[in-house]
Amino acid sequence: MHIETVIFDLDGTLIDSAQSLLSAFDGAFKSLGCVPVRPLDRTLIGPPLTQILAALSGSDDADLLAALAIAFKDRYDDDSYRETAVFEGVETMLSELVRRGHRLYIATNKRKKPTYRILEHLGWTGYFDDVYTLDTFEIPAKDKTQLLEWILRLGAIDVQRSVYTGDRDDDGRAALANNLAFLLATWGYGENIAGVWRKVNKPENLPDTIGAM
């Protein structure tokens, strides 16, 4: 099997956005006079925003979650996203994959606005053929599994010649549900990974791993 297309998760795979996200969560809760019920740490990063806010607030109150989401987006989209860091070796990896002729995509649980702001801030827009977020489509995708399903339905990506790369079990399960090969980026946020996935421990090793598939 020759891999033509590499689809990437974003947070925890290409970028270390923990500090920028946690800063925005902290500001959002403080602005509403709320206290998170669990520590603000990087284990939170990855799931859709509403799931993170529900876990942090310990509440399923729709009005509270909506208010927290607005406060978070205001802080993150306008300022905190600039605190995004890049994992060591990722830029070299992206350049090498493009040099070898692979087509690169992003499929992320992030929203479109901050995703594009981050890519522009990092100067990365030229690496990717396209970028898909939960709110790319007219009806937002409910999770990564559905997002990948809708991306593949567009017909531009040959599932048999593609691989999804992410740092969490959820990413692996989403790929499996869509018959996509999966590579686990162990340099990311994922801890105590339960799935039995093929692992890559350094970004610089990914091009050769993909070349051997």
C-alpha atoms as a PDB file:
ATOM      1  CA  MET A   1       0.000   0.000   0.000  1.00  0.00           C
ATOM      2  CA  HIS A   2       1.400   3.371  -1.010  1.00  0.00           C
ATOM      3  CA  ILE A   3       0.193   6.218   1.202  1.00  0.00           C
ATOM      4  CA  GLU A   4      -0.694   9.320  -0.792  1.00  0.00           C
ATOM      5  CA  THR A   5      -2.619  11.320   1.803  1.00  0.00           C
ATOM      6  CA  VAL A   6      -1.812  12.100   5.422  1.00  0.00           C
ATOM      7  CA  ILE A   7      -4.607  13.539   7.553  1.00  0.00           C
ATOM      8  CA  PHE A   8      -3.519  15.108  10.819  1.00  0.00           C
ATOM      9  CA  ASP A   9      -5.191  15.870  14.078  1.00  0.00           C
ATOM     10  CA  LEU A  10      -4.070  19.332  15.235  1.00  0.00           C
ATOM     11  CA  ASP A  11      -3.931  19.776  19.029  1.00  0.00           C
ATOM     12  CA  GLY A  12      -1.404  17.436  20.609  1.00  0.00           C
ATOM     13  CA  THR A  13      -0.205  16.192  17.229  1.00  0.00           C
ATOM     14  CA  LEU A  14       1.086  19.188  15.292  1.00  0.00           C
ATOM     15  CA  ILE A  15       0.795  21.903  17.914  1.00  0.00           C
ATOM     16  CA  ASP A  16       1.091  22.180  21.677  1.00  0.00           C
ATOM     17  CA  SER A  17      -1.854  24.434  22.386  1.00  0.00           C
ATOM     18  CA  ALA A  18      -2.180  23.465  26.049  1.00  0.00           C
ATOM     19  CA  GLN A  19      -1.002  26.770  27.506  1.00  0.00           C
ATOM     20  CA  SER A  20      -3.118  28.856  25.133  1.00  0.00           C
ATOM     21  CA  LEU A  21      -6.263  26.791  25.773  1.00  0.00           C
ATOM     22  CA  LEU A  22      -5.822  26.557  29.533  1.00  0.00           C
ATOM     23  CA  SER A  23      -5.275  30.293  29.726  1.00  0.00           C
ATOM     24  CA  ALA A  24      -8.532  30.895  27.864  1.00  0.00           C
ATOM     25  CA  PHE A  25     -10.439  28.385  30.037  1.00  0.00           C
ATOM     26  CA  ASP A  26      -9.118  30.045  33.180  1.00  0.00           C
ATOM     27  CA  GLY A  27     -10.195  33.476  31.950  1.00  0.00           C
ATOM     28  CA  ALA A  28     -13.627  32.235  30.919  1.00  0.00           C
ATOM     29  CA  PHE A  29     -14.400  30.687  34.308  1.00  0.00           C
ATOM     30  CA  LYS A  30     -13.113  33.699  36.207  1.00  0.00           C
ATOM     31  CA  SER A  31     -15.203  36.068  34.086  1.00  0.00           C
ATOM     32  CA  LEU A  32     -18.364  34.225  35.153  1.00  0.00           C
ATOM     33  CA  GLY A  33     -17.319  33.742  38.765  1.00  0.00           C
ATOM     34  CA  CYS A  34     -17.160  29.963  38.373  1.00  0.00           C
ATOM     35  CA  VAL A  35     -14.622  27.559  39.832  1.00  0.00           C
ATOM     36  CA  PRO A  36     -13.592  24.491  37.775  1.00  0.00           C
ATOM     37  CA  VAL A  37     -14.315  21.181  39.501  1.00  0.00           C
ATOM     38  CA  ARG A  38     -11.128  19.607  38.143  1.00  0.00           C
ATOM     39  CA  PRO A  39      -7.590  20.877  37.590  1.00  0.00           C
ATOM     40  CA  LEU A  40      -6.805  22.895  34.498  1.00  0.00           C
ATOM     41  CA  ASP A  41      -4.173  20.652  32.942  1.00  0.00           C
ATOM     42  CA  ARG A  42      -3.266  19.279  29.531  1.00  0.00           C
ATOM     43  CA  THR A  43      -5.253  16.050  30.009  1.00  0.00           C
ATOM     44  CA  LEU A  44      -8.301  18.150  29.126  1.00  0.00           C
ATOM     45  CA  ILE A  45      -7.087  18.924  25.609  1.00  0.00           C
ATOM     46  CA  GLY A  46      -8.524  17.078  22.627  1.00  0.00           C
ATOM     47  CA  PRO A  47     -12.304  16.560  22.917  1.00  0.00           C
ATOM     48  CA  PRO A  48     -14.829  19.054  21.502  1.00  0.00           C
ATOM     49  CA  LEU A  49     -15.211  22.310  23.436  1.00  0.00           C
ATOM     50  CA  THR A  50     -18.631  21.498  24.910  1.00  0.00           C
ATOM     51  CA  GLN A  51     -17.328  18.241  26.384  1.00  0.00           C
ATOM     52  CA  ILE A  52     -14.373  20.006  27.996  1.00  0.00           C
ATOM     53  CA  LEU A  53     -16.578  22.723  29.486  1.00  0.00           C
ATOM     54  CA  ALA A  54     -19.019  20.160  30.867  1.00  0.00           C
ATOM     55  CA  ALA A  55     -16.148  18.258  32.479  1.00  0.00           C
ATOM     56  CA  LEU A  56     -14.624  21.428  33.939  1.00  0.00           C
ATOM     57  CA  SER A  57     -17.884  22.850  35.239  1.00  0.00           C
ATOM     58  CA  GLY A  58     -19.350  19.571  36.439  1.00  0.00           C
ATOM     59  CA  SER A  59     -22.631  20.775  34.994  1.00  0.00           C
ATOM     60  CA  ASP A  60     -24.925  19.958  32.094  1.00  0.00           C
ATOM     61  CA  ASP A  61     -26.794  23.265  32.408  1.00  0.00           C
ATOM     62  CA  ALA A  62     -27.149  24.442  28.809  1.00  0.00           C
ATOM     63  CA  ASP A  63     -27.210  28.154  29.682  1.00  0.00           C
ATOM     64  CA  LEU A  64     -24.058  27.931  31.797  1.00  0.00           C
ATOM     65  CA  LEU A  65     -22.196  25.925  29.163  1.00  0.00           C
ATOM     66  CA  ALA A  66     -23.253  28.379  26.457  1.00  0.00           C
ATOM     67  CA  ALA A  67     -22.037  31.339  28.519  1.00  0.00           C
ATOM     68  CA  LEU A  68     -18.725  29.609  29.234  1.00  0.00           C
ATOM     69  CA  ALA A  69     -18.302  28.797  25.557  1.00  0.00           C
ATOM     70  CA  ILE A  70     -18.822  32.414  24.543  1.00  0.00           C
ATOM     71  CA  ALA A  71     -16.371  33.642  27.182  1.00  0.00           C
ATOM     72  CA  PHE A  72     -13.794  31.054  26.128  1.00  0.00           C
ATOM     73  CA  LYS A  73     -14.098  31.851  22.421  1.00  0.00           C
ATOM     74  CA  ASP A  74     -13.744  35.582  23.046  1.00  0.00           C
ATOM     75  CA  ARG A  75     -10.446  35.052  24.853  1.00  0.00           C
ATOM     76  CA  TYR A  76      -9.028  32.286  22.709  1.00  0.00           C
ATOM     77  CA  ASP A  77      -9.930  33.598  19.259  1.00  0.00           C
ATOM     78  CA  ASP A  78      -8.760  37.147  19.895  1.00  0.00           C
ATOM     79  CA  ASP A  79      -5.595  36.630  21.894  1.00  0.00           C
ATOM     80  CA  SER A  80      -4.768  33.320  23.608  1.00  0.00           C
ATOM     81  CA  TYR A  81      -4.270  31.404  20.337  1.00  0.00           C
ATOM     82  CA  ARG A  82      -1.016  33.344  19.900  1.00  0.00           C
ATOM     83  CA  GLU A  83       0.446  31.329  22.804  1.00  0.00           C
ATOM     84  CA  THR A  84       0.326  28.166  20.656  1.00  0.00           C
ATOM     85  CA  ALA A  85       3.629  26.288  20.536  1.00  0.00           C
ATOM     86  CA  VAL A  86       4.890  23.817  17.938  1.00  0.00           C
ATOM     87  CA  PHE A  87       6.203  20.389  18.904  1.00  0.00           C
ATOM     88  CA  GLU A  88       9.895  20.035  18.117  1.00  0.00           C
ATOM     89  CA  GLY A  89      10.437  18.425  14.732  1.00  0.00           C
ATOM     90  CA  VAL A  90       6.934  18.987  13.373  1.00  0.00           C
ATOM     91  CA  GLU A  91       7.853  21.655  10.842  1.00  0.00           C
ATOM     92  CA  THR A  92      10.685  19.481   9.496  1.00  0.00           C
ATOM     93  CA  MET A  93       8.225  16.578   9.264  1.00  0.00           C
ATOM     94  CA  LEU A  94       5.656  18.596   7.316  1.00  0.00           C
ATOM     95  CA  SER A  95       8.277  19.902   4.896  1.00  0.00           C
ATOM     96  CA  GLU A  96       9.620  16.396   4.284  1.00  0.00           C
ATOM     97  CA  LEU A  97       6.160  14.916   3.687  1.00  0.00           C
ATOM     98  CA  VAL A  98       5.411  17.632   1.126  1.00  0.00           C
ATOM     99  CA  ARG A  99       8.828  17.090  -0.499  1.00  0.00           C
ATOM    100  CA  ARG A 100       7.995  13.400  -0.893  1.00  0.00           C
ATOM    101  CA  GLY A 101       4.758  14.267  -2.664  1.00  0.00           C
ATOM    102  CA  HIS A 102       2.211  13.481   0.044  1.00  0.00           C
ATOM    103  CA  ARG A 103      -1.017  15.444   0.210  1.00  0.00           C
ATOM    104  CA  LEU A 104      -1.632  16.804   3.707  1.00  0.00           C
ATOM    105  CA  TYR A 105      -4.941  17.571   5.414  1.00  0.00           C
ATOM    106  CA  ILE A 106      -6.082  18.532   8.905  1.00  0.00           C
ATOM    107  CA  ALA A 107      -9.169  17.091  10.625  1.00  0.00           C
ATOM    108  CA  THR A 108      -9.591  18.679  14.042  1.00  0.00           C
ATOM    109  CA  ASN A 109     -12.130  19.097  16.828  1.00  0.00           C
ATOM    110  CA  LYS A 110     -11.225  22.783  16.866  1.00  0.00           C
ATOM    111  CA  ARG A 111     -13.433  25.434  15.343  1.00  0.00           C
ATOM    112  CA  LYS A 112     -12.636  27.017  11.986  1.00  0.00           C
ATOM    113  CA  LYS A 113     -11.817  30.543  13.198  1.00  0.00           C
ATOM    114  CA  PRO A 114      -9.016  29.743  15.666  1.00  0.00           C
ATOM    115  CA  THR A 115      -7.699  26.917  13.477  1.00  0.00           C
ATOM    116  CA  TYR A 116      -7.074  29.224  10.533  1.00  0.00           C
ATOM    117  CA  ARG A 117      -5.711  31.962  12.777  1.00  0.00           C
ATOM    118  CA  ILE A 118      -3.194  29.520  14.239  1.00  0.00           C
ATOM    119  CA  LEU A 119      -2.129  28.208  10.820  1.00  0.00           C
ATOM    120  CA  GLU A 120      -1.690  31.749   9.533  1.00  0.00           C
ATOM    121  CA  HIS A 121       0.189  32.766  12.701  1.00  0.00           C
ATOM    122  CA  LEU A 122       2.588  29.830  12.215  1.00  0.00           C
ATOM    123  CA  GLY A 123       2.913  30.340   8.463  1.00  0.00           C
ATOM    124  CA  TRP A 124       1.618  26.831   7.769  1.00  0.00           C
ATOM    125  CA  THR A 125      -1.274  27.393   5.358  1.00  0.00           C
ATOM    126  CA  GLY A 126       0.854  26.329   2.386  1.00  0.00           C
ATOM    127  CA  TYR A 127       1.434  22.826   3.744  1.00  0.00           C
ATOM    128  CA  PHE A 128      -2.172  21.637   3.577  1.00  0.00           C
ATOM    129  CA  ASP A 129      -4.466  20.819   0.671  1.00  0.00           C
ATOM    130  CA  ASP A 130      -7.449  21.456   2.932  1.00  0.00           C
ATOM    131  CA  VAL A 131      -8.388  21.916   6.573  1.00  0.00           C
ATOM    132  CA  TYR A 132     -11.532  20.477   8.172  1.00  0.00           C
ATOM    133  CA  THR A 133     -12.960  21.518  11.532  1.00  0.00           C
ATOM    134  CA  LEU A 134     -16.097  20.502  13.407  1.00  0.00           C
ATOM    135  CA  ASP A 135     -17.867  23.556  11.946  1.00  0.00           C
ATOM    136  CA  THR A 136     -16.598  23.229   8.357  1.00  0.00           C
ATOM    137  CA  PHE A 137     -19.887  21.798   7.148  1.00  0.00           C
ATOM    138  CA  GLU A 138     -23.285  23.489   7.242  1.00  0.00           C
ATOM    139  CA  ILE A 139     -24.351  21.184  10.061  1.00  0.00           C
ATOM    140  CA  PRO A 140     -21.454  20.902  12.548  1.00  0.00           C
ATOM    141  CA  ALA A 141     -20.023  17.420  13.009  1.00  0.00           C
ATOM    142  CA  LYS A 142     -20.725  15.972  16.452  1.00  0.00           C
ATOM    143  CA  ASP A 143     -17.283  14.383  16.826  1.00  0.00           C
ATOM    144  CA  LYS A 144     -14.113  13.292  15.010  1.00  0.00           C
ATOM    145  CA  THR A 145     -15.671  10.056  13.741  1.00  0.00           C
ATOM    146  CA  GLN A 146     -18.428  11.924  11.965  1.00  0.00           C
ATOM    147  CA  LEU A 147     -16.043  14.593  10.701  1.00  0.00           C
ATOM    148  CA  LEU A 148     -13.813  11.975   9.050  1.00  0.00           C
ATOM    149  CA  GLU A 149     -16.877  10.257   7.584  1.00  0.00           C
ATOM    150  CA  TRP A 150     -18.047  13.493   5.965  1.00  0.00           C
ATOM    151  CA  ILE A 151     -14.559  14.344   4.679  1.00  0.00           C
ATOM    152  CA  LEU A 152     -14.241  10.941   3.015  1.00  0.00           C
ATOM    153  CA  ARG A 153     -17.694  11.270   1.463  1.00  0.00           C
ATOM    154  CA  LEU A 154     -16.431  14.261  -0.517  1.00  0.00           C
ATOM    155  CA  GLY A 155     -14.457  11.804  -2.624  1.00  0.00           C
ATOM    156  CA  ALA A 156     -11.158  13.700  -2.842  1.00  0.00           C
ATOM    157  CA  ILE A 157      -9.349  11.274  -0.514  1.00  0.00           C
ATOM    158  CA  ASP A 158      -8.757   7.595  -1.293  1.00  0.00           C
ATOM    159  CA  VAL A 159      -9.250   5.841   2.038  1.00  0.00           C
ATOM    160  CA  GLN A 160      -7.089   2.899   0.934  1.00  0.00           C
ATOM    161  CA  ARG A 161      -4.124   5.214   0.338  1.00  0.00           C
ATOM    162  CA  SER A 162      -4.531   7.450   3.373  1.00  0.00           C
ATOM    163  CA  VAL A 163      -3.542   7.508   7.015  1.00  0.00           C
ATOM    164  CA  TYR A 164      -4.846   9.520   9.957  1.00  0.00           C
ATOM    165  CA  THR A 165      -2.318  10.637  12.564  1.00  0.00           C
ATOM    166  CA  GLY A 166      -3.377  11.717  16.056  1.00  0.00           C
ATOM    167  CA  ASP A 167      -2.385  11.504  19.713  1.00  0.00           C
ATOM    168  CA  ARG A 168      -5.461  10.031  21.407  1.00  0.00           C
ATOM    169  CA  ASP A 169      -7.438   6.804  21.541  1.00  0.00           C
ATOM    170  CA  ASP A 170     -10.417   8.790  20.263  1.00  0.00           C
ATOM    171  CA  ASP A 171      -8.455   9.595  17.109  1.00  0.00           C
ATOM    172  CA  GLY A 172      -7.640   5.937  16.588  1.00  0.00           C
ATOM    173  CA  ARG A 173     -11.243   4.868  17.091  1.00  0.00           C
ATOM    174  CA  ALA A 174     -12.451   7.557  14.688  1.00  0.00           C
ATOM    175  CA  ALA A 175     -10.016   6.318  12.043  1.00  0.00           C
ATOM    176  CA  LEU A 176     -10.983   2.680  12.639  1.00  0.00           C
ATOM    177  CA  ALA A 177     -14.687   3.497  12.283  1.00  0.00           C
ATOM    178  CA  ASN A 178     -13.921   4.962   8.858  1.00  0.00           C
ATOM    179  CA  ASN A 179     -11.576   2.178   7.700  1.00  0.00           C
ATOM    180  CA  LEU A 180      -8.601   4.559   7.809  1.00  0.00           C
ATOM    181  CA  ALA A 181      -5.122   3.447   8.778  1.00  0.00           C
ATOM    182  CA  PHE A 182      -3.975   5.175  11.968  1.00  0.00           C
ATOM    183  CA  LEU A 183      -0.660   6.237  13.464  1.00  0.00           C
ATOM    184  CA  LEU A 184      -0.422   7.279  17.114  1.00  0.00           C
ATOM    185  CA  ALA A 185       1.771  10.317  17.737  1.00  0.00           C
ATOM    186  CA  THR A 186       3.205   9.508  21.145  1.00  0.00           C
ATOM    187  CA  TRP A 187       4.812  12.934  21.485  1.00  0.00           C
ATOM    188  CA  GLY A 188       1.359  14.480  21.999  1.00  0.00           C
ATOM    189  CA  TYR A 189      -1.117  14.760  24.874  1.00  0.00           C
ATOM    190  CA  GLY A 190      -2.392  11.191  24.930  1.00  0.00           C
ATOM    191  CA  GLU A 191      -1.638   9.319  28.154  1.00  0.00           C
ATOM    192  CA  ASN A 192      -2.549   5.781  29.231  1.00  0.00           C
ATOM    193  CA  ILE A 193      -3.474   4.908  25.645  1.00  0.00           C
ATOM    194  CA  ALA A 194      -5.656   1.807  25.701  1.00  0.00           C
ATOM    195  CA  GLY A 195      -5.799   1.059  21.983  1.00  0.00           C
ATOM    196  CA  VAL A 196      -3.211  -1.124  20.255  1.00  0.00           C
ATOM    197  CA  TRP A 197      -2.051   1.324  17.628  1.00  0.00           C
ATOM    198  CA  ARG A 198       1.067   1.610  15.536  1.00  0.00           C
ATOM    199  CA  LYS A 199       3.111   4.276  17.325  1.00  0.00           C
ATOM    200  CA  VAL A 200       5.509   6.978  16.153  1.00  0.00           C
ATOM    201  CA  ASN A 201       7.584   8.539  18.920  1.00  0.00           C
ATOM    202  CA  LYS A 202       9.130  11.501  17.064  1.00  0.00           C
ATOM    203  CA  PRO A 203       7.771  13.717  14.283  1.00  0.00           C
ATOM    204  CA  GLU A 204      10.975  13.250  12.280  1.00  0.00           C
ATOM    205  CA  ASN A 205      10.262   9.484  12.108  1.00  0.00           C
ATOM    206  CA  LEU A 206       6.798   9.843  10.585  1.00  0.00           C
ATOM    207  CA  PRO A 207       7.791  10.224   6.899  1.00  0.00           C
ATOM    208  CA  ASP A 208       9.796   6.979   6.922  1.00  0.00           C
ATOM    209  CA  THR A 209       7.068   5.172   8.874  1.00  0.00           C
ATOM    210  CA  ILE A 210       4.527   6.209   6.269  1.00  0.00           C
ATOM    211  CA  GLY A 211       6.923   5.318   3.460  1.00  0.00           C
ATOM    212  CA  ALA A 212       7.157   1.778   4.841  1.00  0.00           C
ATOM    213  CA  MET A 213       3.385   1.234   4.999  1.00  0.00           C
END
